[in-house]
Amino acid sequence: MSAISTAYPLSLSIDYPDRKLSRLTTFFRLFTVIPIAIILSLLSSSSQWGGADGWSYQYAAGGLVVLPIVLMLLFRQKYPKWWFDWNVALTKFSIRVSAYFVLLRDEYPSTDEDQAVHIEIPYPDAKEGLNRWLPLVKWFLAIPHYIVLWFLGIAALVCIVIAWFAILFTGRYPRSLFDFVVGVFRWSLRVAVYAFLLTTDRYPPFRLGN
């Protein structure tokens, strides 16, 4: 019971590819990721074009629902379930694309299946489990994490470059580098869940592991 109560309300794991990875798609990963990255970009941003009659037509409107949730928590102490489901689905899709881009997996990212990326984010009890005022300052309280993650991101980039060469020559992603990059993903996602998805008031721990 103690393990359950102390666990952070988010889990992220990515299956280690204990097999030969595709050297061909690894070499051209910057190009093979483009189609799915375009789809993710359309889902994650809002774009408009204006017609001659003065109307604006929106062809994509998406991204994480953040500000409406802040207002709902502040004034109603509610977190609409469909907003939560959208945020979680978009987060999972984004992590799958990112995992493919940084060579952690070589199967092409699915738009709806979890594949080898496993993320669990519990739905919060907004009235009993969330403070209505904290969403106003969580982004600020997370600043120490932003600083640490900046340095961890540089280290992860070095690991990814080394892994790129390792896969080209051996077909394998070195396990120690894999675990470190996944740990950076996990840390970053914990901060996002706290400061932007707003599903927990528990401050993220400073660690790579679960």
N, C-alpha and C. Protein backbone atom coordinates (compact mmCIF):
# COMPACT_ATOMS: atom_id res chain seq x y z
N MET A 1 0.81 -1.21 0.00
CA MET A 1 0.00 0.00 0.00
C MET A 1 0.85 1.26 0.00
N SER A 2 1.98 1.23 0.72
CA SER A 2 2.84 2.41 0.79
C SER A 2 3.42 2.75 -0.57
N ALA A 3 3.73 1.69 -1.38
CA ALA A 3 4.29 1.94 -2.70
C ALA A 3 3.28 2.64 -3.59
N ILE A 4 1.99 2.24 -3.42
CA ILE A 4 0.95 2.85 -4.23
C ILE A 4 0.75 4.31 -3.83
N SER A 5 0.76 4.59 -2.52
CA SER A 5 0.47 5.93 -2.04
C SER A 5 1.59 6.92 -2.34
N THR A 6 2.82 6.42 -2.45
CA THR A 6 3.95 7.33 -2.69
C THR A 6 4.30 7.45 -4.17
N ALA A 7 3.70 6.62 -5.01
CA ALA A 7 4.01 6.68 -6.44
C ALA A 7 3.44 7.95 -7.04
N TYR A 8 4.22 8.57 -7.94
CA TYR A 8 3.72 9.78 -8.60
C TYR A 8 2.59 9.39 -9.54
N PRO A 9 1.53 10.21 -9.60
CA PRO A 9 0.37 9.85 -10.43
C PRO A 9 0.61 10.01 -11.93
N LEU A 10 1.64 9.36 -12.39
CA LEU A 10 1.96 9.27 -13.82
C LEU A 10 2.97 8.15 -13.99
N SER A 11 2.80 7.35 -14.99
CA SER A 11 3.83 6.36 -15.31
C SER A 11 4.09 6.39 -16.81
N LEU A 12 5.37 6.29 -17.16
CA LEU A 12 5.77 6.25 -18.57
C LEU A 12 6.86 5.20 -18.73
N SER A 13 6.66 4.31 -19.64
CA SER A 13 7.69 3.33 -19.97
C SER A 13 7.66 3.08 -21.46
N ILE A 14 8.82 2.80 -22.01
CA ILE A 14 8.96 2.48 -23.43
C ILE A 14 9.72 1.17 -23.54
N ASP A 15 9.14 0.21 -24.23
CA ASP A 15 9.77 -1.11 -24.36
C ASP A 15 11.12 -1.00 -25.06
N TYR A 16 12.12 -1.59 -24.45
CA TYR A 16 13.44 -1.59 -25.08
C TYR A 16 13.43 -2.54 -26.28
N PRO A 17 13.87 -2.07 -27.44
CA PRO A 17 13.88 -2.94 -28.64
C PRO A 17 15.05 -3.92 -28.59
N ASP A 18 14.83 -5.05 -27.97
CA ASP A 18 15.89 -6.04 -27.81
C ASP A 18 16.03 -6.86 -29.10
N ARG A 19 16.40 -6.18 -30.16
CA ARG A 19 16.51 -6.78 -31.49
C ARG A 19 17.30 -5.82 -32.37
N LYS A 20 17.56 -6.25 -33.58
CA LYS A 20 18.23 -5.38 -34.54
C LYS A 20 17.26 -4.31 -35.03
N LEU A 21 17.67 -3.08 -34.96
CA LEU A 21 16.86 -1.97 -35.45
C LEU A 21 17.18 -1.71 -36.93
N SER A 22 16.25 -1.09 -37.61
CA SER A 22 16.42 -0.81 -39.04
C SER A 22 17.49 0.26 -39.24
N ARG A 23 18.60 -0.12 -39.87
CA ARG A 23 19.64 0.87 -40.16
C ARG A 23 19.16 1.88 -41.20
N LEU A 24 18.35 1.42 -42.15
CA LEU A 24 17.90 2.29 -43.23
C LEU A 24 17.03 3.43 -42.70
N THR A 25 15.97 3.08 -41.94
CA THR A 25 15.09 4.13 -41.42
C THR A 25 15.80 4.97 -40.35
N THR A 26 16.75 4.38 -39.66
CA THR A 26 17.53 5.16 -38.69
C THR A 26 18.35 6.23 -39.40
N PHE A 27 18.98 5.87 -40.49
CA PHE A 27 19.81 6.81 -41.24
C PHE A 27 18.98 7.98 -41.78
N PHE A 28 17.76 7.65 -42.23
CA PHE A 28 16.90 8.69 -42.83
C PHE A 28 15.80 9.17 -41.88
N ARG A 29 15.98 9.02 -40.56
CA ARG A 29 14.92 9.34 -39.61
C ARG A 29 14.44 10.79 -39.70
N LEU A 30 15.34 11.71 -39.99
CA LEU A 30 14.95 13.11 -40.13
C LEU A 30 13.91 13.30 -41.23
N PHE A 31 13.92 12.41 -42.22
CA PHE A 31 12.99 12.52 -43.34
C PHE A 31 11.76 11.64 -43.15
N THR A 32 11.95 10.43 -42.61
CA THR A 32 10.81 9.51 -42.46
C THR A 32 9.81 10.01 -41.43
N VAL A 33 10.26 10.85 -40.50
CA VAL A 33 9.35 11.34 -39.45
C VAL A 33 8.47 12.48 -39.96
N ILE A 34 8.79 13.07 -41.10
CA ILE A 34 8.10 14.28 -41.56
C ILE A 34 6.59 14.09 -41.71
N PRO A 35 6.07 13.04 -42.36
CA PRO A 35 4.61 12.93 -42.53
C PRO A 35 3.86 12.90 -41.20
N ILE A 36 4.32 12.10 -40.25
CA ILE A 36 3.61 12.00 -38.97
C ILE A 36 3.83 13.26 -38.14
N ALA A 37 4.97 13.92 -38.33
CA ALA A 37 5.22 15.18 -37.62
C ALA A 37 4.29 16.27 -38.10
N ILE A 38 3.97 16.26 -39.39
CA ILE A 38 3.02 17.24 -39.94
C ILE A 38 1.64 17.04 -39.32
N ILE A 39 1.22 15.77 -39.21
CA ILE A 39 -0.07 15.47 -38.60
C ILE A 39 -0.10 15.94 -37.14
N LEU A 40 0.98 15.65 -36.41
CA LEU A 40 1.05 16.09 -35.01
C LEU A 40 1.02 17.60 -34.92
N SER A 41 1.71 18.27 -35.83
CA SER A 41 1.73 19.73 -35.83
C SER A 41 0.34 20.31 -36.06
N LEU A 42 -0.41 19.70 -36.97
CA LEU A 42 -1.77 20.18 -37.24
C LEU A 42 -2.68 19.99 -36.04
N LEU A 43 -2.46 18.90 -35.30
CA LEU A 43 -3.27 18.64 -34.11
C LEU A 43 -2.87 19.52 -32.94
N SER A 44 -1.63 19.98 -32.95
CA SER A 44 -1.08 20.69 -31.80
C SER A 44 -1.08 22.20 -31.94
N SER A 45 -1.64 22.71 -33.05
CA SER A 45 -1.60 24.16 -33.26
C SER A 45 -2.90 24.61 -33.88
N SER A 46 -3.05 25.91 -33.91
CA SER A 46 -4.23 26.52 -34.52
C SER A 46 -3.79 27.43 -35.65
N SER A 47 -4.38 27.23 -36.82
CA SER A 47 -3.99 28.03 -37.97
C SER A 47 -5.23 28.54 -38.70
N GLN A 48 -5.13 29.74 -39.26
CA GLN A 48 -6.26 30.32 -39.96
C GLN A 48 -5.81 30.95 -41.28
N TRP A 49 -6.73 31.03 -42.21
CA TRP A 49 -6.47 31.85 -43.38
C TRP A 49 -7.70 32.71 -43.63
N GLY A 50 -7.50 33.88 -44.13
CA GLY A 50 -8.60 34.83 -44.29
C GLY A 50 -9.10 34.86 -45.72
N GLY A 51 -10.40 34.94 -45.86
CA GLY A 51 -11.00 35.04 -47.18
C GLY A 51 -11.16 36.49 -47.60
N ALA A 52 -11.45 36.68 -48.87
CA ALA A 52 -11.61 38.04 -49.40
C ALA A 52 -12.81 38.75 -48.79
N ASP A 53 -13.77 37.95 -48.28
CA ASP A 53 -14.95 38.57 -47.69
C ASP A 53 -14.75 38.95 -46.24
N GLY A 54 -13.52 38.77 -45.74
CA GLY A 54 -13.23 39.19 -44.39
C GLY A 54 -13.38 38.09 -43.35
N TRP A 55 -13.93 36.94 -43.75
CA TRP A 55 -14.07 35.84 -42.82
C TRP A 55 -12.74 35.09 -42.70
N SER A 56 -12.52 34.50 -41.54
CA SER A 56 -11.34 33.65 -41.33
C SER A 56 -11.82 32.22 -41.18
N TYR A 57 -11.13 31.32 -41.86
CA TYR A 57 -11.51 29.92 -41.82
C TYR A 57 -10.41 29.14 -41.10
N GLN A 58 -10.81 28.42 -40.10
CA GLN A 58 -9.86 27.68 -39.29
C GLN A 58 -9.78 26.25 -39.80
N TYR A 59 -8.57 25.84 -40.25
CA TYR A 59 -8.46 24.48 -40.78
C TYR A 59 -7.90 23.52 -39.76
N ALA A 60 -7.35 24.02 -38.68
CA ALA A 60 -6.89 23.12 -37.62
C ALA A 60 -6.89 23.88 -36.32
N ALA A 61 -7.50 23.29 -35.33
CA ALA A 61 -7.49 23.91 -34.00
C ALA A 61 -7.31 22.81 -32.99
N GLY A 62 -6.21 22.83 -32.30
CA GLY A 62 -5.97 21.75 -31.36
C GLY A 62 -5.02 22.17 -30.28
N GLY A 63 -4.11 21.28 -29.95
CA GLY A 63 -3.18 21.52 -28.86
C GLY A 63 -3.80 21.14 -27.54
N LEU A 64 -3.00 21.17 -26.50
CA LEU A 64 -3.49 20.83 -25.18
C LEU A 64 -4.49 21.87 -24.70
N VAL A 65 -5.54 21.41 -24.06
CA VAL A 65 -6.51 22.30 -23.45
C VAL A 65 -5.96 22.69 -22.08
N VAL A 66 -5.50 23.93 -21.95
CA VAL A 66 -4.87 24.37 -20.70
C VAL A 66 -5.65 25.50 -20.04
N LEU A 67 -5.74 26.64 -20.71
CA LEU A 67 -6.39 27.79 -20.11
C LEU A 67 -7.85 27.53 -19.74
N PRO A 68 -8.65 26.86 -20.61
CA PRO A 68 -10.02 26.55 -20.18
C PRO A 68 -10.07 25.69 -18.92
N ILE A 69 -9.11 24.77 -18.77
CA ILE A 69 -9.09 23.94 -17.57
C ILE A 69 -8.74 24.78 -16.34
N VAL A 70 -7.79 25.71 -16.51
CA VAL A 70 -7.46 26.62 -15.41
C VAL A 70 -8.72 27.35 -14.94
N LEU A 71 -9.50 27.86 -15.87
CA LEU A 71 -10.70 28.61 -15.52
C LEU A 71 -11.77 27.71 -14.89
N MET A 72 -11.91 26.50 -15.42
CA MET A 72 -12.90 25.57 -14.86
C MET A 72 -12.52 25.16 -13.44
N LEU A 73 -11.24 24.90 -13.20
CA LEU A 73 -10.80 24.54 -11.86
C LEU A 73 -10.97 25.72 -10.90
N LEU A 74 -10.67 26.90 -11.39
CA LEU A 74 -10.72 28.09 -10.55
C LEU A 74 -12.15 28.43 -10.14
N PHE A 75 -13.08 28.40 -11.09
CA PHE A 75 -14.43 28.87 -10.80
C PHE A 75 -15.45 27.76 -10.52
N ARG A 76 -15.19 26.55 -11.07
CA ARG A 76 -16.17 25.47 -10.91
C ARG A 76 -15.61 24.25 -10.21
N GLN A 77 -14.31 24.18 -10.04
CA GLN A 77 -13.64 22.99 -9.48
C GLN A 77 -14.06 21.73 -10.25
N LYS A 78 -14.01 21.86 -11.57
CA LYS A 78 -14.34 20.74 -12.45
C LYS A 78 -13.23 20.58 -13.49
N TYR A 79 -13.00 19.31 -13.87
CA TYR A 79 -12.06 18.98 -14.95
C TYR A 79 -12.84 18.09 -15.91
N PRO A 80 -13.43 18.68 -16.95
CA PRO A 80 -14.26 17.89 -17.87
C PRO A 80 -13.52 16.67 -18.41
N LYS A 81 -14.19 15.53 -18.34
CA LYS A 81 -13.54 14.27 -18.71
C LYS A 81 -13.10 14.27 -20.17
N TRP A 82 -13.90 14.86 -21.06
CA TRP A 82 -13.51 14.80 -22.47
C TRP A 82 -12.31 15.69 -22.74
N TRP A 83 -12.11 16.76 -21.99
CA TRP A 83 -10.89 17.55 -22.11
C TRP A 83 -9.69 16.74 -21.64
N PHE A 84 -9.88 16.03 -20.53
CA PHE A 84 -8.82 15.15 -20.03
C PHE A 84 -8.45 14.09 -21.07
N ASP A 85 -9.46 13.43 -21.64
CA ASP A 85 -9.20 12.38 -22.63
C ASP A 85 -8.45 12.94 -23.84
N TRP A 86 -8.82 14.13 -24.29
CA TRP A 86 -8.13 14.74 -25.43
C TRP A 86 -6.67 15.02 -25.08
N ASN A 87 -6.43 15.63 -23.92
CA ASN A 87 -5.06 15.96 -23.52
C ASN A 87 -4.19 14.71 -23.40
N VAL A 88 -4.75 13.66 -22.82
CA VAL A 88 -3.98 12.42 -22.64
C VAL A 88 -3.70 11.77 -24.00
N ALA A 89 -4.72 11.73 -24.87
CA ALA A 89 -4.54 11.12 -26.19
C ALA A 89 -3.48 11.88 -27.00
N LEU A 90 -3.54 13.21 -26.97
CA LEU A 90 -2.57 14.01 -27.71
C LEU A 90 -1.17 13.85 -27.12
N THR A 91 -1.09 13.77 -25.79
CA THR A 91 0.20 13.56 -25.13
C THR A 91 0.81 12.22 -25.53
N LYS A 92 0.00 11.18 -25.52
CA LYS A 92 0.50 9.85 -25.90
C LYS A 92 0.99 9.84 -27.35
N PHE A 93 0.21 10.45 -28.24
CA PHE A 93 0.60 10.51 -29.65
C PHE A 93 1.91 11.27 -29.80
N SER A 94 2.02 12.39 -29.11
CA SER A 94 3.24 13.20 -29.17
C SER A 94 4.46 12.42 -28.69
N ILE A 95 4.30 11.65 -27.61
CA ILE A 95 5.43 10.87 -27.08
C ILE A 95 5.80 9.76 -28.06
N ARG A 96 4.81 9.14 -28.71
CA ARG A 96 5.12 8.10 -29.70
C ARG A 96 5.93 8.67 -30.85
N VAL A 97 5.52 9.84 -31.34
CA VAL A 97 6.26 10.47 -32.44
C VAL A 97 7.66 10.84 -31.98
N SER A 98 7.78 11.40 -30.78
CA SER A 98 9.09 11.79 -30.25
C SER A 98 9.99 10.58 -30.05
N ALA A 99 9.43 9.49 -29.54
CA ALA A 99 10.22 8.28 -29.32
C ALA A 99 10.76 7.74 -30.64
N TYR A 100 9.93 7.81 -31.69
CA TYR A 100 10.38 7.39 -33.01
C TYR A 100 11.47 8.31 -33.54
N PHE A 101 11.28 9.61 -33.36
CA PHE A 101 12.24 10.58 -33.87
C PHE A 101 13.62 10.44 -33.21
N VAL A 102 13.63 10.15 -31.92
CA VAL A 102 14.93 10.04 -31.22
C VAL A 102 15.43 8.60 -31.20
N LEU A 103 14.86 7.75 -32.07
CA LEU A 103 15.39 6.41 -32.37
C LEU A 103 15.10 5.36 -31.30
N LEU A 104 14.26 5.68 -30.31
CA LEU A 104 13.97 4.70 -29.27
C LEU A 104 13.21 3.50 -29.83
N ARG A 105 12.43 3.72 -30.87
CA ARG A 105 11.71 2.66 -31.56
C ARG A 105 11.83 2.89 -33.06
N ASP A 106 11.65 1.81 -33.83
CA ASP A 106 11.72 1.99 -35.29
C ASP A 106 10.43 1.64 -36.00
N GLU A 107 9.38 1.20 -35.26
CA GLU A 107 8.09 1.05 -35.91
C GLU A 107 7.46 2.43 -36.05
N TYR A 108 6.73 2.63 -37.15
CA TYR A 108 6.19 3.96 -37.43
C TYR A 108 5.10 4.29 -36.42
N PRO A 109 5.07 5.52 -35.90
CA PRO A 109 4.11 5.87 -34.85
C PRO A 109 2.66 5.74 -35.32
N SER A 110 1.85 5.13 -34.49
CA SER A 110 0.42 5.02 -34.75
C SER A 110 -0.28 6.27 -34.25
N THR A 111 -1.37 6.63 -34.91
CA THR A 111 -2.13 7.79 -34.46
C THR A 111 -3.06 7.44 -33.30
N ASP A 112 -3.32 6.14 -33.07
CA ASP A 112 -4.28 5.80 -32.01
C ASP A 112 -3.87 4.62 -31.13
N GLU A 113 -2.93 3.79 -31.55
CA GLU A 113 -2.53 2.64 -30.74
C GLU A 113 -1.30 2.99 -29.91
N ASP A 114 -1.23 2.41 -28.70
CA ASP A 114 -0.12 2.72 -27.78
C ASP A 114 1.21 2.16 -28.26
N GLN A 115 1.17 1.05 -29.00
CA GLN A 115 2.39 0.40 -29.47
C GLN A 115 3.31 0.09 -28.29
N ALA A 116 4.57 0.51 -28.35
CA ALA A 116 5.53 0.16 -27.29
C ALA A 116 5.70 1.27 -26.26
N VAL A 117 4.88 2.32 -26.37
CA VAL A 117 4.96 3.44 -25.44
C VAL A 117 3.77 3.36 -24.49
N HIS A 118 4.06 3.21 -23.20
CA HIS A 118 3.00 2.99 -22.21
C HIS A 118 2.95 4.17 -21.24
N ILE A 119 1.81 4.86 -21.26
CA ILE A 119 1.62 6.04 -20.41
C ILE A 119 0.31 5.89 -19.65
N GLU A 120 0.36 6.09 -18.34
CA GLU A 120 -0.83 6.07 -17.52
C GLU A 120 -0.92 7.39 -16.75
N ILE A 121 -2.02 8.11 -16.95
CA ILE A 121 -2.27 9.36 -16.23
C ILE A 121 -3.67 9.25 -15.62
N PRO A 122 -3.77 9.12 -14.31
CA PRO A 122 -5.09 8.96 -13.68
C PRO A 122 -5.95 10.21 -13.83
N TYR A 123 -7.24 9.98 -14.02
CA TYR A 123 -8.19 11.10 -14.08
C TYR A 123 -8.37 11.67 -12.68
N PRO A 124 -8.22 12.99 -12.51
CA PRO A 124 -8.24 13.57 -11.17
C PRO A 124 -9.66 13.82 -10.63
N ASP A 125 -9.77 13.79 -9.31
CA ASP A 125 -10.97 14.24 -8.64
C ASP A 125 -10.79 15.73 -8.37
N ALA A 126 -11.37 16.55 -9.23
CA ALA A 126 -11.09 17.99 -9.18
C ALA A 126 -11.52 18.62 -7.86
N LYS A 127 -12.65 18.19 -7.32
CA LYS A 127 -13.16 18.81 -6.09
C LYS A 127 -12.33 18.43 -4.88
N GLU A 128 -11.98 17.15 -4.77
CA GLU A 128 -11.30 16.66 -3.57
C GLU A 128 -9.78 16.60 -3.73
N GLY A 129 -9.30 16.45 -4.96
CA GLY A 129 -7.88 16.19 -5.14
C GLY A 129 -7.05 17.34 -5.69
N LEU A 130 -7.72 18.41 -6.15
CA LEU A 130 -6.99 19.53 -6.76
C LEU A 130 -7.33 20.85 -6.07
N ASN A 131 -6.30 21.63 -5.82
CA ASN A 131 -6.49 22.97 -5.28
C ASN A 131 -6.88 23.91 -6.42
N ARG A 132 -7.95 24.67 -6.23
CA ARG A 132 -8.44 25.52 -7.32
C ARG A 132 -7.49 26.67 -7.66
N TRP A 133 -6.62 27.07 -6.72
CA TRP A 133 -5.75 28.22 -6.95
C TRP A 133 -4.39 27.85 -7.54
N LEU A 134 -3.93 26.63 -7.30
CA LEU A 134 -2.60 26.24 -7.75
C LEU A 134 -2.38 26.35 -9.26
N PRO A 135 -3.38 26.07 -10.11
CA PRO A 135 -3.13 26.18 -11.55
C PRO A 135 -2.64 27.55 -12.00
N LEU A 136 -2.88 28.59 -11.19
CA LEU A 136 -2.43 29.92 -11.55
C LEU A 136 -0.92 30.08 -11.42
N VAL A 137 -0.29 29.22 -10.60
CA VAL A 137 1.14 29.40 -10.32
C VAL A 137 1.98 28.17 -10.61
N LYS A 138 1.36 27.09 -11.03
CA LYS A 138 2.13 25.86 -11.25
C LYS A 138 3.24 26.04 -12.29
N TRP A 139 2.94 26.77 -13.36
CA TRP A 139 3.95 27.00 -14.41
C TRP A 139 5.16 27.71 -13.82
N PHE A 140 4.93 28.57 -12.82
CA PHE A 140 6.03 29.30 -12.17
C PHE A 140 6.78 28.41 -11.20
N LEU A 141 6.04 27.60 -10.44
CA LEU A 141 6.67 26.71 -9.47
C LEU A 141 7.55 25.67 -10.15
N ALA A 142 7.27 25.39 -11.42
CA ALA A 142 8.03 24.36 -12.14
C ALA A 142 9.33 24.89 -12.74
N ILE A 143 9.65 26.17 -12.53
CA ILE A 143 10.86 26.76 -13.13
C ILE A 143 12.14 25.98 -12.80
N PRO A 144 12.35 25.53 -11.56
CA PRO A 144 13.57 24.72 -11.29
C PRO A 144 13.68 23.50 -12.20
N HIS A 145 12.53 22.89 -12.51
CA HIS A 145 12.54 21.74 -13.41
C HIS A 145 12.92 22.15 -14.83
N TYR A 146 12.43 23.29 -15.29
CA TYR A 146 12.79 23.75 -16.64
C TYR A 146 14.31 23.88 -16.76
N ILE A 147 14.94 24.42 -15.72
CA ILE A 147 16.39 24.63 -15.75
C ILE A 147 17.12 23.30 -15.82
N VAL A 148 16.73 22.37 -14.96
CA VAL A 148 17.38 21.05 -14.95
C VAL A 148 17.15 20.33 -16.26
N LEU A 149 15.92 20.41 -16.77
CA LEU A 149 15.59 19.71 -18.02
C LEU A 149 16.34 20.30 -19.22
N TRP A 150 16.70 21.57 -19.15
CA TRP A 150 17.48 22.17 -20.23
C TRP A 150 18.83 21.46 -20.34
N PHE A 151 19.48 21.24 -19.21
CA PHE A 151 20.77 20.55 -19.21
C PHE A 151 20.60 19.07 -19.53
N LEU A 152 19.54 18.46 -19.01
CA LEU A 152 19.29 17.05 -19.32
C LEU A 152 18.99 16.88 -20.81
N GLY A 153 18.32 17.87 -21.41
CA GLY A 153 18.03 17.81 -22.84
C GLY A 153 19.29 17.81 -23.68
N ILE A 154 20.27 18.61 -23.26
CA ILE A 154 21.56 18.63 -23.98
C ILE A 154 22.23 17.27 -23.87
N ALA A 155 22.23 16.71 -22.66
CA ALA A 155 22.84 15.39 -22.45
C ALA A 155 22.11 14.33 -23.27
N ALA A 156 20.77 14.42 -23.31
CA ALA A 156 19.99 13.45 -24.09
C ALA A 156 20.31 13.57 -25.57
N LEU A 157 20.50 14.79 -26.06
CA LEU A 157 20.84 14.99 -27.47
C LEU A 157 22.16 14.32 -27.81
N VAL A 158 23.14 14.43 -26.93
CA VAL A 158 24.43 13.76 -27.13
C VAL A 158 24.23 12.25 -27.18
N CYS A 159 23.40 11.73 -26.27
CA CYS A 159 23.13 10.29 -26.24
C CYS A 159 22.46 9.83 -27.53
N ILE A 160 21.56 10.64 -28.06
CA ILE A 160 20.85 10.27 -29.29
C ILE A 160 21.81 10.22 -30.47
N VAL A 161 22.72 11.18 -30.54
CA VAL A 161 23.70 11.18 -31.64
C VAL A 161 24.59 9.94 -31.54
N ILE A 162 25.04 9.62 -30.33
CA ILE A 162 25.87 8.41 -30.14
C ILE A 162 25.07 7.17 -30.52
N ALA A 163 23.79 7.14 -30.10
CA ALA A 163 22.95 5.98 -30.42
C ALA A 163 22.74 5.84 -31.92
N TRP A 164 22.64 6.97 -32.63
CA TRP A 164 22.46 6.93 -34.09
C TRP A 164 23.64 6.20 -34.74
N PHE A 165 24.84 6.53 -34.33
CA PHE A 165 26.01 5.84 -34.87
C PHE A 165 26.04 4.38 -34.44
N ALA A 166 25.67 4.13 -33.19
CA ALA A 166 25.68 2.75 -32.68
C ALA A 166 24.71 1.87 -33.47
N ILE A 167 23.52 2.40 -33.76
CA ILE A 167 22.54 1.62 -34.53
C ILE A 167 23.03 1.38 -35.95
N LEU A 168 23.64 2.38 -36.56
CA LEU A 168 24.14 2.21 -37.93
C LEU A 168 25.22 1.13 -38.00
N PHE A 169 26.05 1.04 -36.95
CA PHE A 169 27.15 0.08 -36.99
C PHE A 169 26.79 -1.27 -36.38
N THR A 170 25.94 -1.28 -35.37
CA THR A 170 25.66 -2.54 -34.66
C THR A 170 24.19 -2.97 -34.76
N GLY A 171 23.30 -2.04 -35.14
CA GLY A 171 21.88 -2.37 -35.19
C GLY A 171 21.20 -2.29 -33.83
N ARG A 172 21.94 -1.89 -32.79
CA ARG A 172 21.40 -1.86 -31.43
C ARG A 172 21.48 -0.47 -30.81
N TYR A 173 20.49 -0.15 -29.99
CA TYR A 173 20.49 1.07 -29.21
C TYR A 173 21.10 0.73 -27.85
N PRO A 174 22.26 1.27 -27.49
CA PRO A 174 22.88 0.95 -26.20
C PRO A 174 21.89 1.12 -25.05
N ARG A 175 21.75 0.08 -24.22
CA ARG A 175 20.71 0.08 -23.20
C ARG A 175 20.85 1.23 -22.21
N SER A 176 22.07 1.55 -21.80
CA SER A 176 22.26 2.63 -20.83
C SER A 176 21.81 3.97 -21.41
N LEU A 177 22.09 4.21 -22.69
CA LEU A 177 21.66 5.44 -23.33
C LEU A 177 20.15 5.47 -23.49
N PHE A 178 19.59 4.32 -23.84
CA PHE A 178 18.13 4.19 -23.97
C PHE A 178 17.44 4.55 -22.67
N ASP A 179 17.91 3.96 -21.57
CA ASP A 179 17.28 4.22 -20.27
C ASP A 179 17.40 5.68 -19.87
N PHE A 180 18.51 6.31 -20.18
CA PHE A 180 18.68 7.72 -19.83
C PHE A 180 17.71 8.60 -20.62
N VAL A 181 17.61 8.36 -21.93
CA VAL A 181 16.72 9.18 -22.75
C VAL A 181 15.26 8.99 -22.32
N VAL A 182 14.87 7.75 -22.04
CA VAL A 182 13.51 7.50 -21.56
C VAL A 182 13.30 8.21 -20.22
N GLY A 183 14.32 8.22 -19.37
CA GLY A 183 14.21 8.91 -18.09
C GLY A 183 13.99 10.40 -18.26
N VAL A 184 14.64 11.00 -19.24
CA VAL A 184 14.44 12.43 -19.52
C VAL A 184 13.01 12.66 -20.02
N PHE A 185 12.51 11.76 -20.88
CA PHE A 185 11.12 11.83 -21.32
C PHE A 185 10.18 11.79 -20.12
N ARG A 186 10.45 10.85 -19.21
CA ARG A 186 9.59 10.66 -18.05
C ARG A 186 9.58 11.91 -17.16
N TRP A 187 10.76 12.46 -16.91
CA TRP A 187 10.88 13.66 -16.08
C TRP A 187 10.12 14.82 -16.72
N SER A 188 10.33 15.01 -18.01
CA SER A 188 9.67 16.09 -18.73
C SER A 188 8.15 15.93 -18.71
N LEU A 189 7.68 14.70 -18.86
CA LEU A 189 6.24 14.46 -18.87
C LEU A 189 5.64 14.71 -17.49
N ARG A 190 6.36 14.35 -16.43
CA ARG A 190 5.87 14.64 -15.08
C ARG A 190 5.66 16.14 -14.88
N VAL A 191 6.60 16.93 -15.38
CA VAL A 191 6.48 18.39 -15.27
C VAL A 191 5.29 18.88 -16.08
N ALA A 192 5.09 18.33 -17.28
CA ALA A 192 3.96 18.73 -18.12
C ALA A 192 2.63 18.38 -17.46
N VAL A 193 2.56 17.19 -16.84
CA VAL A 193 1.34 16.76 -16.16
C VAL A 193 1.02 17.69 -15.00
N TYR A 194 2.05 18.11 -14.27
CA TYR A 194 1.85 19.00 -13.13
C TYR A 194 1.49 20.43 -13.57
N ALA A 195 2.25 20.99 -14.49
CA ALA A 195 2.13 22.42 -14.80
C ALA A 195 1.14 22.74 -15.90
N PHE A 196 0.85 21.78 -16.81
CA PHE A 196 0.04 22.12 -17.97
C PHE A 196 -1.19 21.22 -18.14
N LEU A 197 -1.04 19.91 -17.94
CA LEU A 197 -2.22 19.06 -17.96
C LEU A 197 -3.04 19.23 -16.69
N LEU A 198 -2.37 19.63 -15.60
CA LEU A 198 -3.03 20.01 -14.34
C LEU A 198 -3.82 18.87 -13.71
N THR A 199 -3.34 17.64 -13.86
CA THR A 199 -4.06 16.49 -13.32
C THR A 199 -3.64 16.13 -11.90
N THR A 200 -2.61 16.78 -11.38
CA THR A 200 -2.16 16.49 -10.02
C THR A 200 -1.55 17.74 -9.40
N ASP A 201 -1.64 17.82 -8.08
CA ASP A 201 -1.01 18.93 -7.35
C ASP A 201 0.31 18.49 -6.72
N ARG A 202 0.66 17.25 -6.88
CA ARG A 202 1.92 16.76 -6.30
C ARG A 202 3.11 17.28 -7.11
N TYR A 203 4.04 17.91 -6.40
CA TYR A 203 5.19 18.49 -7.10
C TYR A 203 6.05 17.37 -7.68
N PRO A 204 6.49 17.51 -8.94
CA PRO A 204 7.27 16.44 -9.58
C PRO A 204 8.59 16.19 -8.87
N PRO A 205 8.98 14.94 -8.70
CA PRO A 205 10.27 14.63 -8.10
C PRO A 205 11.41 14.90 -9.08
N PHE A 206 12.58 15.19 -8.54
CA PHE A 206 13.77 15.42 -9.37
C PHE A 206 14.47 14.08 -9.58
N ARG A 207 13.95 13.26 -10.49
CA ARG A 207 14.55 11.98 -10.75
C ARG A 207 14.15 11.49 -12.14
N LEU A 208 14.98 10.60 -12.68
CA LEU A 208 14.72 10.03 -13.99
C LEU A 208 13.80 8.81 -13.92
N GLY A 209 13.87 8.07 -12.82
CA GLY A 209 13.09 6.86 -12.70
C GLY A 209 11.65 7.13 -12.32
N ASN A 210 10.87 6.06 -12.25
CA ASN A 210 9.46 6.18 -11.87
C ASN A 210 9.33 6.57 -10.40
